[in-house]
């Protein structure tokens, strides 16, 4: 099992979610986050004054999948999130040692 963590632009969530749904992935956790990378923030204009935003709003998706679905899940996220512009995001894959469905007590892959 793997935990896929993706950082994407907020306006791309619907496209990513549609792609994941097409794969049969029915669950994900979405968190509003702020951060920066090579983008180094962005410049905004408010009431005629220009100011720098150092932490850009993003969304963090966390999706647990069986190991054999990792590549297709990454592809679905990348295709849905890609705009071709700086700041499209990143995808990280982490080994998932165990999972437990609290309601039923199922463990491992059955809990996904």
Protein backbone atom coordinates (compact mmCIF):
# COMPACT_ATOMS: atom_id res chain seq x y z
CA UNK A 1 0.00 0.00 0.00
CA UNK A 2 1.10 3.55 -0.69
CA UNK A 3 0.05 6.98 0.48
CA UNK A 4 0.03 9.52 -2.33
CA UNK A 5 0.34 13.14 -1.27
CA UNK A 6 -0.28 15.76 -3.94
CA UNK A 7 0.00 19.53 -3.68
CA UNK A 8 -2.09 21.23 -6.39
CA UNK A 9 -3.63 24.57 -7.33
CA UNK A 10 -7.09 24.96 -5.75
CA UNK A 11 -8.92 25.60 -9.03
CA UNK A 12 -7.71 22.24 -10.43
CA UNK A 13 -9.40 20.12 -7.74
CA UNK A 14 -12.51 19.29 -9.78
CA UNK A 15 -10.47 18.04 -12.75
CA UNK A 16 -8.28 15.90 -10.49
CA UNK A 17 -11.31 14.55 -8.65
CA UNK A 18 -13.02 13.62 -11.93
CA UNK A 19 -9.90 11.74 -13.09
CA UNK A 20 -9.65 9.86 -9.77
CA UNK A 21 -13.34 8.98 -9.89
CA UNK A 22 -12.85 7.57 -13.43
CA UNK A 23 -10.16 5.27 -11.97
CA UNK A 24 -12.56 4.03 -9.30
CA UNK A 25 -10.82 5.83 -6.45
CA UNK A 26 -13.61 6.78 -4.11
CA UNK A 27 -11.80 8.42 -1.22
CA UNK A 28 -9.35 11.23 -0.65
CA UNK A 29 -8.58 13.77 2.03
CA UNK A 30 -8.26 17.40 0.93
CA UNK A 31 -6.67 20.07 3.11
CA UNK A 32 -6.21 23.76 2.39
CA UNK A 33 -2.51 24.58 2.81
CA UNK A 34 -0.11 27.43 2.06
CA UNK A 35 3.46 27.17 0.87
CA UNK A 36 6.07 28.08 -1.67
CA UNK A 37 8.68 26.39 -3.80
CA UNK A 38 10.44 27.61 -6.90
CA UNK A 39 7.46 29.88 -7.39
CA UNK A 40 8.68 31.93 -4.37
CA UNK A 41 5.27 33.43 -3.71
CA UNK A 42 3.36 35.82 -5.92
CA UNK A 43 2.64 39.51 -6.28
CA UNK A 44 -0.90 40.81 -5.70
CA UNK A 45 -2.42 44.26 -6.11
CA UNK A 46 -4.90 45.40 -3.46
CA UNK A 47 -6.46 48.87 -3.62
CA UNK A 48 -3.76 50.04 -5.95
CA UNK A 49 -0.89 48.89 -3.73
CA UNK A 50 1.33 46.02 -4.78
CA UNK A 51 2.40 43.52 -2.15
CA UNK A 52 4.14 40.15 -2.06
CA UNK A 53 2.41 36.96 -0.89
CA UNK A 54 5.13 34.63 0.35
CA UNK A 55 2.91 31.60 1.00
CA UNK A 56 0.70 30.68 -1.95
CA UNK A 57 -2.66 28.94 -1.29
CA UNK A 58 -2.66 25.30 -2.41
CA UNK A 59 -4.59 22.11 -1.72
CA UNK A 60 -3.04 18.95 -0.30
CA UNK A 61 -4.62 15.66 -1.38
CA UNK A 62 -3.90 12.46 0.51
CA UNK A 63 -4.94 9.20 -1.12
CA UNK A 64 -4.22 5.67 0.08
CA UNK A 65 -4.02 3.12 -2.75
CA UNK A 66 -2.83 -0.45 -3.31
CA UNK A 67 0.72 -0.53 -4.70
CA UNK A 68 -0.38 -1.63 -8.17
CA UNK A 69 -2.53 1.52 -8.58
CA UNK A 70 0.19 4.05 -7.80
CA UNK A 71 1.24 4.89 -11.38
CA UNK A 72 -2.31 5.28 -12.70
CA UNK A 73 -3.23 7.44 -9.70
CA UNK A 74 -0.21 9.69 -10.20
CA UNK A 75 -1.05 10.02 -13.91
CA UNK A 76 -4.65 10.96 -13.11
CA UNK A 77 -3.54 13.61 -10.62
CA UNK A 78 -0.90 15.03 -12.96
CA UNK A 79 -3.25 15.24 -15.95
CA UNK A 80 -5.95 16.93 -13.90
CA UNK A 81 -3.63 19.38 -12.14
CA UNK A 82 -1.38 20.38 -15.02
CA UNK A 83 -1.77 23.89 -16.44
CA UNK A 84 1.73 24.17 -17.89
CA UNK A 85 2.52 27.13 -15.65
CA UNK A 86 4.84 27.45 -12.68
CA UNK A 87 3.32 26.26 -9.41
CA UNK A 88 1.27 23.35 -10.79
CA UNK A 89 2.35 21.28 -7.78
CA UNK A 90 4.10 18.12 -6.70
CA UNK A 91 3.24 14.48 -6.01
CA UNK A 92 4.91 12.43 -3.27
CA UNK A 93 4.58 8.69 -2.67
CA UNK A 94 5.12 7.22 0.79
CA UNK A 95 5.03 3.60 1.91
CA UNK A 96 1.92 2.86 3.96
CA UNK A 97 2.66 0.22 6.56
CA UNK A 98 -0.86 -0.38 7.83
CA UNK A 99 -4.44 0.83 7.54
CA UNK A 100 -7.47 0.13 9.71
CA UNK A 101 -11.12 0.81 8.98
CA UNK A 102 -12.39 1.94 12.37
CA UNK A 103 -16.04 0.99 11.82
CA UNK A 104 -15.43 -2.65 10.83
CA UNK A 105 -11.94 -3.36 12.13
CA UNK A 106 -10.73 -4.37 8.65
CA UNK A 107 -7.00 -4.00 8.18
CA UNK A 108 -4.51 -3.67 5.34
CA UNK A 109 -5.76 -3.45 1.78
CA UNK A 110 -9.31 -4.38 2.86
CA UNK A 111 -9.46 -1.15 4.87
CA UNK A 112 -8.81 1.01 1.81
